[in-house]
Amino acid sequence: MGIELLNRQCCPLGNKRHTQGMDRGLRDLKREATGQALAQAAFELTRERGLFGFVTADVVERAGYSRRTFGNHFSCKEEAVASVAFGGVDDASAILAGLPADLPLLDALLAVMRDQFTADTLVRMRELMAMAREYPTLEPYVLGVQQRMRHTAQELLASVAGDRYPAIYVPLLFGAVYGAVMAALEGTLDVHLDGESDYTPASMDYSSFLDLTFDYLRHGL
């Protein structure tokens, strides 16, 4: 009787609340996947036809969903196009979870920048910024997604930092790294990404740029 009671207390698999939590988790994952499929379809159509060369019906047809499903995720096609940049941000939590708990926060952030921000992700973000410059109606949505990405990533980093650092450290560190990466993507800094062919001889590759940025953060100029 005691063992049976202990199992009920310690094993959550048969707990109704745990099962409901799992269901909510699966629903959230499914919703995110649907949103990303719609965003990717809208982004690809913008690449192919320009922002004004397609309508919402084209997006749902390509993604394989209904207009109602689209409306449950996005208010307009501009919002869908911009949201393609947010895909994969949550993967940072999995990367950080696999790192040693006592790893310095600077090294943890570098690991995320290397593993999460792959060449494909960065090229897509740079292309999205170029689209926003070409189509002004897209710009506020791109800026909104960038702000959402920044807040999500900074909150995650703060949770990893815990009370190991002063409160001001995380926003300063993240702001410095985020600002440097945005400058590289926008072209303020001459940084080229893997797969890009139109760059100058003086251009720095992204990996070297990260090394230099984090070296300055560690040691100063």
N, C-alpha and C. Protein backbone atom coordinates (compact mmCIF):
# COMPACT_ATOMS: atom_id res chain seq x y z
N MET A 1 0.83 -1.20 0.00
CA MET A 1 0.00 0.00 0.00
C MET A 1 0.86 1.26 0.00
N GLY A 2 1.94 1.27 0.84
CA GLY A 2 2.82 2.43 0.89
C GLY A 2 3.51 2.67 -0.42
N ILE A 3 4.01 1.59 -1.07
CA ILE A 3 4.69 1.74 -2.36
C ILE A 3 3.73 2.27 -3.42
N GLU A 4 2.50 1.76 -3.38
CA GLU A 4 1.50 2.21 -4.36
C GLU A 4 1.21 3.70 -4.19
N LEU A 5 1.09 4.14 -2.92
CA LEU A 5 0.86 5.55 -2.67
C LEU A 5 2.05 6.39 -3.12
N LEU A 6 3.27 5.90 -2.89
CA LEU A 6 4.47 6.62 -3.29
C LEU A 6 4.53 6.78 -4.79
N ASN A 7 4.15 5.72 -5.51
CA ASN A 7 4.16 5.79 -6.97
C ASN A 7 3.18 6.85 -7.47
N ARG A 8 2.02 6.92 -6.79
CA ARG A 8 1.03 7.90 -7.23
C ARG A 8 1.52 9.32 -7.00
N GLN A 9 2.28 9.48 -5.91
CA GLN A 9 2.78 10.81 -5.59
C GLN A 9 3.95 11.22 -6.47
N CYS A 10 4.82 10.27 -6.81
CA CYS A 10 6.07 10.62 -7.48
C CYS A 10 6.00 10.49 -8.99
N CYS A 11 5.17 9.61 -9.50
CA CYS A 11 5.14 9.38 -10.94
C CYS A 11 4.07 10.24 -11.57
N PRO A 12 4.40 11.20 -12.42
CA PRO A 12 3.41 12.12 -12.96
C PRO A 12 2.70 11.60 -14.19
N LEU A 13 3.09 10.45 -14.71
CA LEU A 13 2.58 10.01 -16.01
C LEU A 13 1.08 9.76 -15.99
N GLY A 14 0.56 9.32 -14.87
CA GLY A 14 -0.87 9.07 -14.79
C GLY A 14 -1.64 10.25 -14.23
N ASN A 15 -0.98 11.33 -13.93
CA ASN A 15 -1.63 12.49 -13.34
C ASN A 15 -2.38 13.26 -14.41
N LYS A 16 -3.66 13.56 -14.13
CA LYS A 16 -4.50 14.23 -15.13
C LYS A 16 -3.94 15.60 -15.49
N ARG A 17 -3.46 16.32 -14.45
CA ARG A 17 -2.93 17.65 -14.71
C ARG A 17 -1.70 17.58 -15.60
N HIS A 18 -0.85 16.56 -15.37
CA HIS A 18 0.35 16.39 -16.20
C HIS A 18 -0.04 16.10 -17.64
N THR A 19 -1.05 15.24 -17.82
CA THR A 19 -1.50 14.89 -19.17
C THR A 19 -2.04 16.11 -19.89
N GLN A 20 -2.80 16.94 -19.15
CA GLN A 20 -3.33 18.16 -19.75
C GLN A 20 -2.19 19.10 -20.15
N GLY A 21 -1.15 19.15 -19.30
CA GLY A 21 0.00 19.98 -19.62
C GLY A 21 0.69 19.51 -20.88
N MET A 22 0.81 18.18 -21.02
CA MET A 22 1.43 17.64 -22.23
C MET A 22 0.59 17.99 -23.45
N ASP A 23 -0.75 17.90 -23.30
CA ASP A 23 -1.64 18.22 -24.42
C ASP A 23 -1.46 19.68 -24.84
N ARG A 24 -1.37 20.58 -23.84
CA ARG A 24 -1.17 21.99 -24.16
C ARG A 24 0.18 22.21 -24.85
N GLY A 25 1.20 21.47 -24.38
CA GLY A 25 2.51 21.59 -25.00
C GLY A 25 2.48 21.15 -26.45
N LEU A 26 1.80 20.05 -26.72
CA LEU A 26 1.70 19.56 -28.09
C LEU A 26 0.89 20.52 -28.95
N ARG A 27 -0.16 21.07 -28.38
CA ARG A 27 -0.97 22.05 -29.13
C ARG A 27 -0.15 23.28 -29.47
N ASP A 28 0.65 23.74 -28.52
CA ASP A 28 1.50 24.92 -28.76
C ASP A 28 2.51 24.64 -29.86
N LEU A 29 3.12 23.45 -29.82
CA LEU A 29 4.09 23.09 -30.85
C LEU A 29 3.43 23.02 -32.23
N LYS A 30 2.23 22.45 -32.26
CA LYS A 30 1.51 22.34 -33.54
C LYS A 30 1.15 23.72 -34.06
N ARG A 31 0.72 24.60 -33.16
CA ARG A 31 0.36 25.96 -33.57
C ARG A 31 1.58 26.69 -34.11
N GLU A 32 2.72 26.55 -33.44
CA GLU A 32 3.94 27.20 -33.90
C GLU A 32 4.35 26.68 -35.28
N ALA A 33 4.24 25.36 -35.48
CA ALA A 33 4.61 24.77 -36.76
C ALA A 33 3.69 25.28 -37.88
N THR A 34 2.41 25.41 -37.58
CA THR A 34 1.46 25.93 -38.57
C THR A 34 1.79 27.37 -38.92
N GLY A 35 2.06 28.18 -37.89
CA GLY A 35 2.41 29.57 -38.13
C GLY A 35 3.67 29.71 -38.96
N GLN A 36 4.65 28.87 -38.68
CA GLN A 36 5.90 28.95 -39.44
C GLN A 36 5.72 28.49 -40.89
N ALA A 37 4.86 27.51 -41.11
CA ALA A 37 4.58 27.06 -42.47
C ALA A 37 3.92 28.17 -43.28
N LEU A 38 2.98 28.87 -42.67
CA LEU A 38 2.32 29.98 -43.34
C LEU A 38 3.30 31.13 -43.58
N ALA A 39 4.14 31.43 -42.59
CA ALA A 39 5.13 32.49 -42.75
C ALA A 39 6.12 32.16 -43.85
N GLN A 40 6.57 30.92 -43.89
CA GLN A 40 7.53 30.52 -44.92
C GLN A 40 6.91 30.64 -46.31
N ALA A 41 5.65 30.24 -46.44
CA ALA A 41 4.97 30.35 -47.73
C ALA A 41 4.85 31.81 -48.17
N ALA A 42 4.50 32.69 -47.23
CA ALA A 42 4.38 34.12 -47.56
C ALA A 42 5.74 34.71 -47.94
N PHE A 43 6.77 34.30 -47.24
CA PHE A 43 8.13 34.78 -47.53
C PHE A 43 8.58 34.33 -48.92
N GLU A 44 8.34 33.07 -49.23
CA GLU A 44 8.74 32.55 -50.55
C GLU A 44 7.98 33.25 -51.67
N LEU A 45 6.70 33.52 -51.47
CA LEU A 45 5.91 34.22 -52.48
C LEU A 45 6.41 35.65 -52.68
N THR A 46 6.85 36.29 -51.60
CA THR A 46 7.42 37.63 -51.73
C THR A 46 8.71 37.59 -52.53
N ARG A 47 9.51 36.57 -52.29
CA ARG A 47 10.73 36.38 -53.08
C ARG A 47 10.41 36.26 -54.57
N GLU A 48 9.40 35.46 -54.87
CA GLU A 48 9.10 35.11 -56.26
C GLU A 48 8.33 36.20 -57.01
N ARG A 49 7.37 36.83 -56.32
CA ARG A 49 6.45 37.72 -57.01
C ARG A 49 6.48 39.16 -56.51
N GLY A 50 7.18 39.41 -55.44
CA GLY A 50 7.10 40.72 -54.81
C GLY A 50 5.92 40.76 -53.87
N LEU A 51 5.93 41.70 -52.92
CA LEU A 51 4.90 41.74 -51.90
C LEU A 51 3.51 41.96 -52.47
N PHE A 52 3.41 42.69 -53.57
CA PHE A 52 2.10 43.00 -54.14
C PHE A 52 1.70 42.04 -55.25
N GLY A 53 2.47 40.98 -55.42
CA GLY A 53 2.18 40.03 -56.49
C GLY A 53 1.40 38.80 -56.05
N PHE A 54 0.91 38.81 -54.82
CA PHE A 54 0.12 37.67 -54.33
C PHE A 54 -0.84 38.14 -53.26
N VAL A 55 -1.81 37.28 -52.94
CA VAL A 55 -2.80 37.59 -51.90
C VAL A 55 -2.80 36.45 -50.87
N THR A 56 -3.57 36.65 -49.81
CA THR A 56 -3.63 35.66 -48.74
C THR A 56 -4.03 34.28 -49.25
N ALA A 57 -4.92 34.23 -50.22
CA ALA A 57 -5.36 32.95 -50.77
C ALA A 57 -4.19 32.17 -51.35
N ASP A 58 -3.23 32.86 -51.93
CA ASP A 58 -2.05 32.19 -52.48
C ASP A 58 -1.19 31.60 -51.36
N VAL A 59 -1.13 32.29 -50.24
CA VAL A 59 -0.33 31.81 -49.10
C VAL A 59 -0.92 30.52 -48.55
N VAL A 60 -2.23 30.52 -48.31
CA VAL A 60 -2.84 29.33 -47.70
C VAL A 60 -2.83 28.14 -48.67
N GLU A 61 -2.95 28.44 -49.96
CA GLU A 61 -2.90 27.35 -50.95
C GLU A 61 -1.52 26.70 -50.95
N ARG A 62 -0.47 27.52 -50.90
CA ARG A 62 0.87 26.96 -50.91
C ARG A 62 1.18 26.21 -49.61
N ALA A 63 0.75 26.74 -48.49
CA ALA A 63 1.05 26.12 -47.20
C ALA A 63 0.14 24.94 -46.90
N GLY A 64 -1.01 24.88 -47.58
CA GLY A 64 -1.92 23.76 -47.36
C GLY A 64 -2.85 23.95 -46.18
N TYR A 65 -3.23 25.21 -45.90
CA TYR A 65 -4.15 25.49 -44.80
C TYR A 65 -5.31 26.33 -45.31
N SER A 66 -6.26 26.62 -44.43
CA SER A 66 -7.43 27.40 -44.81
C SER A 66 -7.21 28.88 -44.49
N ARG A 67 -8.06 29.73 -45.06
CA ARG A 67 -7.99 31.16 -44.74
C ARG A 67 -8.29 31.40 -43.27
N ARG A 68 -9.18 30.60 -42.72
CA ARG A 68 -9.50 30.74 -41.30
C ARG A 68 -8.27 30.47 -40.44
N THR A 69 -7.50 29.45 -40.80
CA THR A 69 -6.28 29.15 -40.06
C THR A 69 -5.30 30.30 -40.17
N PHE A 70 -5.18 30.86 -41.36
CA PHE A 70 -4.30 32.02 -41.53
C PHE A 70 -4.74 33.15 -40.60
N GLY A 71 -6.05 33.42 -40.56
CA GLY A 71 -6.57 34.49 -39.71
C GLY A 71 -6.35 34.25 -38.23
N ASN A 72 -6.21 32.99 -37.84
CA ASN A 72 -5.94 32.67 -36.44
C ASN A 72 -4.49 32.99 -36.05
N HIS A 73 -3.63 33.16 -37.06
CA HIS A 73 -2.21 33.41 -36.79
C HIS A 73 -1.77 34.83 -37.13
N PHE A 74 -2.30 35.37 -38.23
CA PHE A 74 -1.80 36.65 -38.72
C PHE A 74 -2.94 37.57 -39.13
N SER A 75 -2.67 38.87 -39.00
CA SER A 75 -3.68 39.86 -39.38
C SER A 75 -3.61 40.21 -40.86
N CYS A 76 -2.46 39.97 -41.49
CA CYS A 76 -2.27 40.33 -42.89
C CYS A 76 -1.05 39.59 -43.42
N LYS A 77 -0.83 39.67 -44.73
CA LYS A 77 0.30 38.95 -45.32
C LYS A 77 1.63 39.55 -44.90
N GLU A 78 1.66 40.87 -44.64
CA GLU A 78 2.91 41.50 -44.18
C GLU A 78 3.37 40.90 -42.86
N GLU A 79 2.43 40.70 -41.95
CA GLU A 79 2.79 40.11 -40.66
C GLU A 79 3.31 38.69 -40.85
N ALA A 80 2.70 37.94 -41.78
CA ALA A 80 3.15 36.57 -42.05
C ALA A 80 4.56 36.56 -42.61
N VAL A 81 4.84 37.43 -43.56
CA VAL A 81 6.18 37.50 -44.16
C VAL A 81 7.22 37.79 -43.09
N ALA A 82 6.96 38.79 -42.26
CA ALA A 82 7.93 39.19 -41.24
C ALA A 82 8.17 38.09 -40.21
N SER A 83 7.15 37.30 -39.93
CA SER A 83 7.25 36.28 -38.88
C SER A 83 8.18 35.14 -39.25
N VAL A 84 8.61 35.06 -40.50
CA VAL A 84 9.54 34.00 -40.88
C VAL A 84 10.86 34.14 -40.12
N ALA A 85 11.18 35.36 -39.69
CA ALA A 85 12.44 35.59 -38.96
C ALA A 85 12.41 34.98 -37.58
N PHE A 86 11.21 34.77 -37.02
CA PHE A 86 11.12 34.30 -35.64
C PHE A 86 11.31 32.80 -35.52
N GLY A 87 11.23 32.09 -36.62
CA GLY A 87 11.37 30.64 -36.57
C GLY A 87 12.71 30.21 -36.00
N GLY A 88 12.69 29.30 -35.03
CA GLY A 88 13.91 28.77 -34.47
C GLY A 88 14.43 29.48 -33.25
N VAL A 89 13.82 30.63 -32.89
CA VAL A 89 14.30 31.35 -31.71
C VAL A 89 14.19 30.49 -30.46
N ASP A 90 13.09 29.73 -30.35
CA ASP A 90 12.91 28.88 -29.18
C ASP A 90 13.95 27.79 -29.08
N ASP A 91 14.64 27.48 -30.19
CA ASP A 91 15.67 26.45 -30.14
C ASP A 91 16.81 26.84 -29.22
N ALA A 92 16.94 28.12 -28.94
CA ALA A 92 18.01 28.58 -28.06
C ALA A 92 17.90 27.95 -26.68
N SER A 93 16.67 27.71 -26.22
CA SER A 93 16.49 27.12 -24.90
C SER A 93 17.07 25.71 -24.86
N ALA A 94 16.93 24.96 -25.96
CA ALA A 94 17.48 23.62 -26.01
C ALA A 94 19.01 23.65 -26.04
N ILE A 95 19.56 24.63 -26.76
CA ILE A 95 21.02 24.78 -26.81
C ILE A 95 21.57 25.08 -25.42
N LEU A 96 20.94 26.04 -24.74
CA LEU A 96 21.41 26.44 -23.41
C LEU A 96 21.26 25.32 -22.40
N ALA A 97 20.20 24.52 -22.55
CA ALA A 97 19.98 23.42 -21.61
C ALA A 97 21.08 22.37 -21.71
N GLY A 98 21.72 22.27 -22.85
CA GLY A 98 22.77 21.27 -23.04
C GLY A 98 24.15 21.74 -22.63
N LEU A 99 24.26 22.98 -22.15
CA LEU A 99 25.55 23.53 -21.76
C LEU A 99 25.77 23.35 -20.25
N PRO A 100 27.02 23.31 -19.79
CA PRO A 100 27.30 23.21 -18.35
C PRO A 100 26.69 24.38 -17.60
N ALA A 101 26.15 24.10 -16.41
CA ALA A 101 25.46 25.12 -15.64
C ALA A 101 26.39 26.25 -15.20
N ASP A 102 27.68 25.94 -15.04
CA ASP A 102 28.62 26.96 -14.57
C ASP A 102 29.37 27.65 -15.70
N LEU A 103 28.94 27.42 -16.94
CA LEU A 103 29.60 28.07 -18.08
C LEU A 103 29.37 29.57 -18.01
N PRO A 104 30.42 30.38 -18.18
CA PRO A 104 30.22 31.84 -18.17
C PRO A 104 29.17 32.25 -19.19
N LEU A 105 28.39 33.25 -18.82
CA LEU A 105 27.27 33.67 -19.66
C LEU A 105 27.74 34.11 -21.04
N LEU A 106 28.88 34.73 -21.12
CA LEU A 106 29.41 35.16 -22.41
C LEU A 106 29.66 33.97 -23.33
N ASP A 107 30.19 32.88 -22.78
CA ASP A 107 30.43 31.68 -23.58
C ASP A 107 29.12 31.00 -23.97
N ALA A 108 28.15 31.04 -23.07
CA ALA A 108 26.84 30.46 -23.38
C ALA A 108 26.18 31.22 -24.53
N LEU A 109 26.27 32.55 -24.50
CA LEU A 109 25.69 33.36 -25.57
C LEU A 109 26.40 33.11 -26.89
N LEU A 110 27.70 32.95 -26.86
CA LEU A 110 28.45 32.66 -28.08
C LEU A 110 28.02 31.32 -28.67
N ALA A 111 27.79 30.32 -27.82
CA ALA A 111 27.34 29.01 -28.29
C ALA A 111 26.00 29.13 -29.00
N VAL A 112 25.10 29.94 -28.44
CA VAL A 112 23.79 30.14 -29.07
C VAL A 112 23.95 30.85 -30.41
N MET A 113 24.79 31.86 -30.45
CA MET A 113 24.99 32.61 -31.69
C MET A 113 25.56 31.72 -32.79
N ARG A 114 26.41 30.79 -32.41
CA ARG A 114 27.00 29.89 -33.42
C ARG A 114 26.02 28.82 -33.87
N ASP A 115 25.28 28.24 -32.93
CA ASP A 115 24.43 27.08 -33.26
C ASP A 115 23.06 27.47 -33.77
N GLN A 116 22.51 28.56 -33.24
CA GLN A 116 21.16 28.94 -33.63
C GLN A 116 21.15 29.82 -34.87
N PHE A 117 22.05 30.80 -34.91
CA PHE A 117 22.09 31.72 -36.04
C PHE A 117 22.99 31.16 -37.13
N THR A 118 22.46 30.16 -37.83
CA THR A 118 23.20 29.53 -38.92
C THR A 118 23.19 30.45 -40.13
N ALA A 119 23.98 30.08 -41.13
CA ALA A 119 24.06 30.89 -42.34
C ALA A 119 22.70 31.06 -43.00
N ASP A 120 21.91 29.98 -43.06
CA ASP A 120 20.59 30.06 -43.69
C ASP A 120 19.69 31.04 -42.95
N THR A 121 19.71 30.99 -41.61
CA THR A 121 18.88 31.88 -40.81
C THR A 121 19.28 33.33 -41.03
N LEU A 122 20.57 33.60 -41.03
CA LEU A 122 21.06 34.98 -41.18
C LEU A 122 20.80 35.52 -42.58
N VAL A 123 21.00 34.69 -43.60
CA VAL A 123 20.72 35.13 -44.97
C VAL A 123 19.24 35.48 -45.11
N ARG A 124 18.38 34.67 -44.49
CA ARG A 124 16.93 34.93 -44.53
C ARG A 124 16.60 36.24 -43.83
N MET A 125 17.23 36.49 -42.67
CA MET A 125 16.99 37.73 -41.95
C MET A 125 17.48 38.93 -42.75
N ARG A 126 18.64 38.80 -43.37
CA ARG A 126 19.17 39.91 -44.18
C ARG A 126 18.27 40.17 -45.38
N GLU A 127 17.76 39.12 -45.99
CA GLU A 127 16.86 39.27 -47.12
C GLU A 127 15.55 39.93 -46.69
N LEU A 128 15.07 39.58 -45.51
CA LEU A 128 13.85 40.17 -44.99
C LEU A 128 14.02 41.67 -44.76
N MET A 129 15.18 42.07 -44.26
CA MET A 129 15.45 43.49 -44.07
C MET A 129 15.47 44.24 -45.40
N ALA A 130 16.02 43.60 -46.43
CA ALA A 130 16.03 44.21 -47.76
C ALA A 130 14.60 44.35 -48.30
N MET A 131 13.75 43.35 -48.04
CA MET A 131 12.34 43.42 -48.44
C MET A 131 11.65 44.59 -47.76
N ALA A 132 11.96 44.80 -46.48
CA ALA A 132 11.32 45.89 -45.73
C ALA A 132 11.71 47.25 -46.29
N ARG A 133 12.94 47.37 -46.78
CA ARG A 133 13.37 48.63 -47.39
C ARG A 133 12.66 48.86 -48.73
N GLU A 134 12.38 47.78 -49.42
CA GLU A 134 11.72 47.89 -50.72
C GLU A 134 10.22 48.13 -50.58
N TYR A 135 9.62 47.52 -49.55
CA TYR A 135 8.17 47.62 -49.35
C TYR A 135 7.90 48.24 -47.97
N PRO A 136 7.65 49.54 -47.91
CA PRO A 136 7.48 50.24 -46.63
C PRO A 136 6.38 49.66 -45.74
N THR A 137 5.33 49.08 -46.32
CA THR A 137 4.26 48.53 -45.49
C THR A 137 4.72 47.31 -44.70
N LEU A 138 5.82 46.72 -45.12
CA LEU A 138 6.36 45.55 -44.42
C LEU A 138 7.23 45.95 -43.23
N GLU A 139 7.80 47.14 -43.28
CA GLU A 139 8.81 47.54 -42.29
C GLU A 139 8.33 47.49 -40.84
N PRO A 140 7.14 48.02 -40.49
CA PRO A 140 6.74 47.97 -39.08
C PRO A 140 6.59 46.55 -38.55
N TYR A 141 6.21 45.62 -39.41
CA TYR A 141 6.06 44.23 -38.97
C TYR A 141 7.43 43.58 -38.76
N VAL A 142 8.39 43.92 -39.61
CA VAL A 142 9.75 43.39 -39.43
C VAL A 142 10.35 43.93 -38.13
N LEU A 143 10.16 45.22 -37.88
CA LEU A 143 10.67 45.81 -36.64
C LEU A 143 9.99 45.19 -35.42
N GLY A 144 8.70 44.90 -35.54
CA GLY A 144 7.98 44.28 -34.44
C GLY A 144 8.49 42.88 -34.14
N VAL A 145 8.76 42.11 -35.17
CA VAL A 145 9.28 40.76 -34.97
C VAL A 145 10.69 40.82 -34.38
N GLN A 146 11.50 41.76 -34.85
CA GLN A 146 12.85 41.90 -34.29
C GLN A 146 12.79 42.23 -32.80
N GLN A 147 11.86 43.09 -32.43
CA GLN A 147 11.71 43.44 -31.01
C GLN A 147 11.27 42.22 -30.21
N ARG A 148 10.35 41.46 -30.76
CA ARG A 148 9.89 40.24 -30.08
C ARG A 148 11.02 39.25 -29.92
N MET A 149 11.82 39.08 -30.96
CA MET A 149 12.97 38.19 -30.88
C MET A 149 13.94 38.63 -29.80
N ARG A 150 14.19 39.94 -29.76
CA ARG A 150 15.15 40.47 -28.78
C ARG A 150 14.66 40.22 -27.36
N HIS A 151 13.39 40.53 -27.10
CA HIS A 151 12.86 40.37 -25.75
C HIS A 151 12.85 38.90 -25.33
N THR A 152 12.46 38.01 -26.25
CA THR A 152 12.41 36.58 -25.94
C THR A 152 13.80 36.06 -25.60
N ALA A 153 14.78 36.41 -26.43
CA ALA A 153 16.15 35.92 -26.22
C ALA A 153 16.75 36.50 -24.94
N GLN A 154 16.47 37.77 -24.67
CA GLN A 154 17.04 38.40 -23.47
C GLN A 154 16.44 37.80 -22.21
N GLU A 155 15.15 37.51 -22.22
CA GLU A 155 14.52 36.88 -21.06
C GLU A 155 15.09 35.48 -20.83
N LEU A 156 15.33 34.76 -21.91
CA LEU A 156 15.91 33.42 -21.78
C LEU A 156 17.31 33.50 -21.20
N LEU A 157 18.08 34.45 -21.67
CA LEU A 157 19.45 34.62 -21.17
C LEU A 157 19.43 35.00 -19.68
N ALA A 158 18.50 35.84 -19.29
CA ALA A 158 18.39 36.24 -17.89
C ALA A 158 18.04 35.06 -17.00
N SER A 159 17.20 34.16 -17.50
CA SER A 159 16.84 32.99 -16.71
C SER A 159 18.04 32.06 -16.52
N VAL A 160 18.90 31.99 -17.52
CA VAL A 160 20.12 31.17 -17.42
C VAL A 160 21.12 31.82 -16.47
N ALA A 161 21.21 33.15 -16.52
CA ALA A 161 22.16 33.88 -15.67
C ALA A 161 21.80 33.75 -14.20
N GLY A 162 20.50 33.71 -13.91
CA GLY A 162 20.06 33.61 -12.52
C GLY A 162 20.59 34.78 -11.70
N ASP A 163 21.13 34.48 -10.52
CA ASP A 163 21.68 35.53 -9.66
C ASP A 163 23.21 35.52 -9.66
N ARG A 164 23.80 34.95 -10.72
CA ARG A 164 25.26 34.87 -10.79
C ARG A 164 25.90 36.21 -11.18
N TYR A 165 25.10 37.12 -11.74
CA TYR A 165 25.63 38.38 -12.25
C TYR A 165 24.78 39.54 -11.74
N PRO A 166 25.34 40.74 -11.74
CA PRO A 166 24.53 41.93 -11.39
C PRO A 166 23.38 42.08 -12.38
N ALA A 167 22.29 42.70 -11.93
CA ALA A 167 21.09 42.82 -12.76
C ALA A 167 21.36 43.54 -14.07
N ILE A 168 22.30 44.47 -14.07
CA ILE A 168 22.56 45.26 -15.28
C ILE A 168 23.35 44.48 -16.33
N TYR A 169 23.99 43.37 -15.93
CA TYR A 169 24.93 42.67 -16.82
C TYR A 169 24.23 42.07 -18.04
N VAL A 170 23.13 41.37 -17.83
CA VAL A 170 22.48 40.68 -18.95
C VAL A 170 22.00 41.65 -20.03
N PRO A 171 21.24 42.71 -19.69
CA PRO A 171 20.82 43.63 -20.76
C PRO A 171 21.97 44.32 -21.46
N LEU A 172 23.03 44.64 -20.73
CA LEU A 172 24.19 45.26 -21.38
C LEU A 172 24.88 44.30 -22.33
N LEU A 173 25.09 43.07 -21.87
CA LEU A 173 25.75 42.06 -22.70
C LEU A 173 24.92 41.76 -23.94
N PHE A 174 23.66 41.48 -23.74
CA PHE A 174 22.81 41.13 -24.86
C PHE A 174 22.66 42.30 -25.83
N GLY A 175 22.52 43.51 -25.28
CA GLY A 175 22.39 44.68 -26.14
C GLY A 175 23.61 44.89 -27.02
N ALA A 176 24.80 44.65 -26.45
CA ALA A 176 26.03 44.81 -27.23
C ALA A 176 26.10 43.80 -28.37
N VAL A 177 25.79 42.54 -28.06
CA VAL A 177 25.86 41.49 -29.08
C VAL A 177 24.78 41.67 -30.13
N TYR A 178 23.56 41.95 -29.68
CA TYR A 178 22.45 42.14 -30.62
C TYR A 178 22.72 43.32 -31.55
N GLY A 179 23.23 44.43 -30.98
CA GLY A 179 23.54 45.59 -31.80
C GLY A 179 24.59 45.30 -32.85
N ALA A 180 25.61 44.52 -32.48
CA ALA A 180 26.67 44.17 -33.43
C ALA A 180 26.13 43.30 -34.56
N VAL A 181 25.31 42.32 -34.21
CA VAL A 181 24.76 41.42 -35.23
C VAL A 181 23.83 42.18 -36.17
N MET A 182 22.98 43.06 -35.63
CA MET A 182 22.09 43.84 -36.48
C MET A 182 22.90 44.75 -37.42
N ALA A 183 23.99 45.32 -36.93
CA ALA A 183 24.83 46.17 -37.78
C ALA A 183 25.43 45.36 -38.93
N ALA A 184 25.80 44.10 -38.64
CA ALA A 184 26.34 43.23 -39.68
C ALA A 184 25.27 42.86 -40.70
N LEU A 185 24.06 42.56 -40.22
CA LEU A 185 22.99 42.16 -41.13
C LEU A 185 22.50 43.34 -41.98
N GLU A 186 22.50 44.52 -41.41
CA GLU A 186 22.02 45.70 -42.14
C GLU A 186 23.05 46.26 -43.10
N GLY A 187 24.31 45.82 -42.96
CA GLY A 187 25.35 46.29 -43.86
C GLY A 187 26.18 47.43 -43.31
N THR A 188 25.91 47.86 -42.08
CA THR A 188 26.73 48.90 -41.46
C THR A 188 28.16 48.42 -41.29
N LEU A 189 28.31 47.14 -40.95
CA LEU A 189 29.61 46.49 -40.91
C LEU A 189 29.74 45.58 -42.12
N ASP A 190 30.94 45.51 -42.68
CA ASP A 190 31.17 44.73 -43.90
C ASP A 190 31.40 43.27 -43.54
N VAL A 191 30.30 42.55 -43.36
CA VAL A 191 30.35 41.14 -42.97
C VAL A 191 29.58 40.34 -44.01
N HIS A 192 30.17 39.27 -44.52
CA HIS A 192 29.45 38.43 -45.48
C HIS A 192 29.13 37.07 -44.86
N LEU A 193 28.07 36.48 -45.36
CA LEU A 193 27.57 35.21 -44.85
C LEU A 193 27.90 34.10 -45.82
N ASP A 194 27.99 32.88 -45.31
CA ASP A 194 28.25 31.73 -46.16
C ASP A 194 27.17 31.64 -47.24
N GLY A 195 27.60 31.41 -48.46
CA GLY A 195 26.66 31.30 -49.56
C GLY A 195 26.48 32.58 -50.35
N GLU A 196 26.93 33.71 -49.79
CA GLU A 196 26.83 34.98 -50.51
C GLU A 196 28.07 35.17 -51.39
N SER A 197 27.86 35.65 -52.59
CA SER A 197 28.98 35.80 -53.53
C SER A 197 29.36 37.26 -53.77
N ASP A 198 28.46 38.19 -53.47
CA ASP A 198 28.72 39.60 -53.77
C ASP A 198 29.26 40.31 -52.52
N TYR A 199 30.54 40.11 -52.25
CA TYR A 199 31.17 40.81 -51.13
C TYR A 199 32.55 41.30 -51.53
N THR A 200 33.04 42.28 -50.82
CA THR A 200 34.32 42.91 -51.15
C THR A 200 35.48 42.09 -50.59
N PRO A 201 36.69 42.29 -51.11
CA PRO A 201 37.86 41.56 -50.58
C PRO A 201 38.12 41.86 -49.10
N ALA A 202 37.72 43.05 -48.65
CA ALA A 202 37.94 43.42 -47.25
C ALA A 202 36.85 42.90 -46.32
N SER A 203 35.83 42.26 -46.88
CA SER A 203 34.71 41.78 -46.08
C SER A 203 35.14 40.68 -45.12
N MET A 204 34.55 40.66 -43.94
CA MET A 204 34.85 39.65 -42.92
C MET A 204 33.76 38.58 -42.93
N ASP A 205 34.16 37.32 -42.81
CA ASP A 205 33.15 36.27 -42.73
C ASP A 205 32.49 36.29 -41.35
N TYR A 206 31.30 35.72 -41.26
CA TYR A 206 30.50 35.83 -40.04
C TYR A 206 31.17 35.17 -38.84
N SER A 207 31.81 34.04 -39.04
CA SER A 207 32.46 33.35 -37.93
C SER A 207 33.58 34.20 -37.34
N SER A 208 34.39 34.81 -38.21
CA SER A 208 35.47 35.69 -37.74
C SER A 208 34.90 36.92 -37.04
N PHE A 209 33.78 37.41 -37.56
CA PHE A 209 33.12 38.56 -36.95
C PHE A 209 32.67 38.23 -35.52
N LEU A 210 32.09 37.05 -35.32
CA LEU A 210 31.69 36.64 -33.98
C LEU A 210 32.89 36.53 -33.05
N ASP A 211 33.96 35.91 -33.54
CA ASP A 211 35.17 35.76 -32.72
C ASP A 211 35.68 37.13 -32.28
N LEU A 212 35.73 38.07 -33.22
CA LEU A 212 36.24 39.41 -32.90
C LEU A 212 35.32 40.13 -31.91
N THR A 213 34.03 40.04 -32.15
CA THR A 213 33.05 40.70 -31.28
C THR A 213 33.18 40.20 -29.84
N PHE A 214 33.23 38.88 -29.67
CA PHE A 214 33.29 38.33 -28.32
C PHE A 214 34.66 38.52 -27.69
N ASP A 215 35.69 38.62 -28.51
CA ASP A 215 37.02 38.91 -27.97
C ASP A 215 37.05 40.33 -27.40
N TYR A 216 36.42 41.28 -28.09
CA TYR A 216 36.33 42.64 -27.57
C TYR A 216 35.52 42.68 -26.26
N LEU A 217 34.45 41.89 -26.21
CA LEU A 217 33.63 41.87 -25.00
C LEU A 217 34.40 41.30 -23.81
N ARG A 218 35.28 40.35 -24.09
CA ARG A 218 36.06 39.75 -23.00
C ARG A 218 37.20 40.65 -22.55
N HIS A 219 37.89 41.27 -23.52
CA HIS A 219 39.15 41.95 -23.19
C HIS A 219 39.17 43.45 -23.46
N GLY A 220 38.13 43.95 -24.14
CA GLY A 220 38.12 45.37 -24.49
C GLY A 220 38.95 45.63 -25.75
N LEU A 221 39.08 46.88 -26.11
CA LEU A 221 39.83 47.24 -27.32
C LEU A 221 41.33 47.17 -27.07
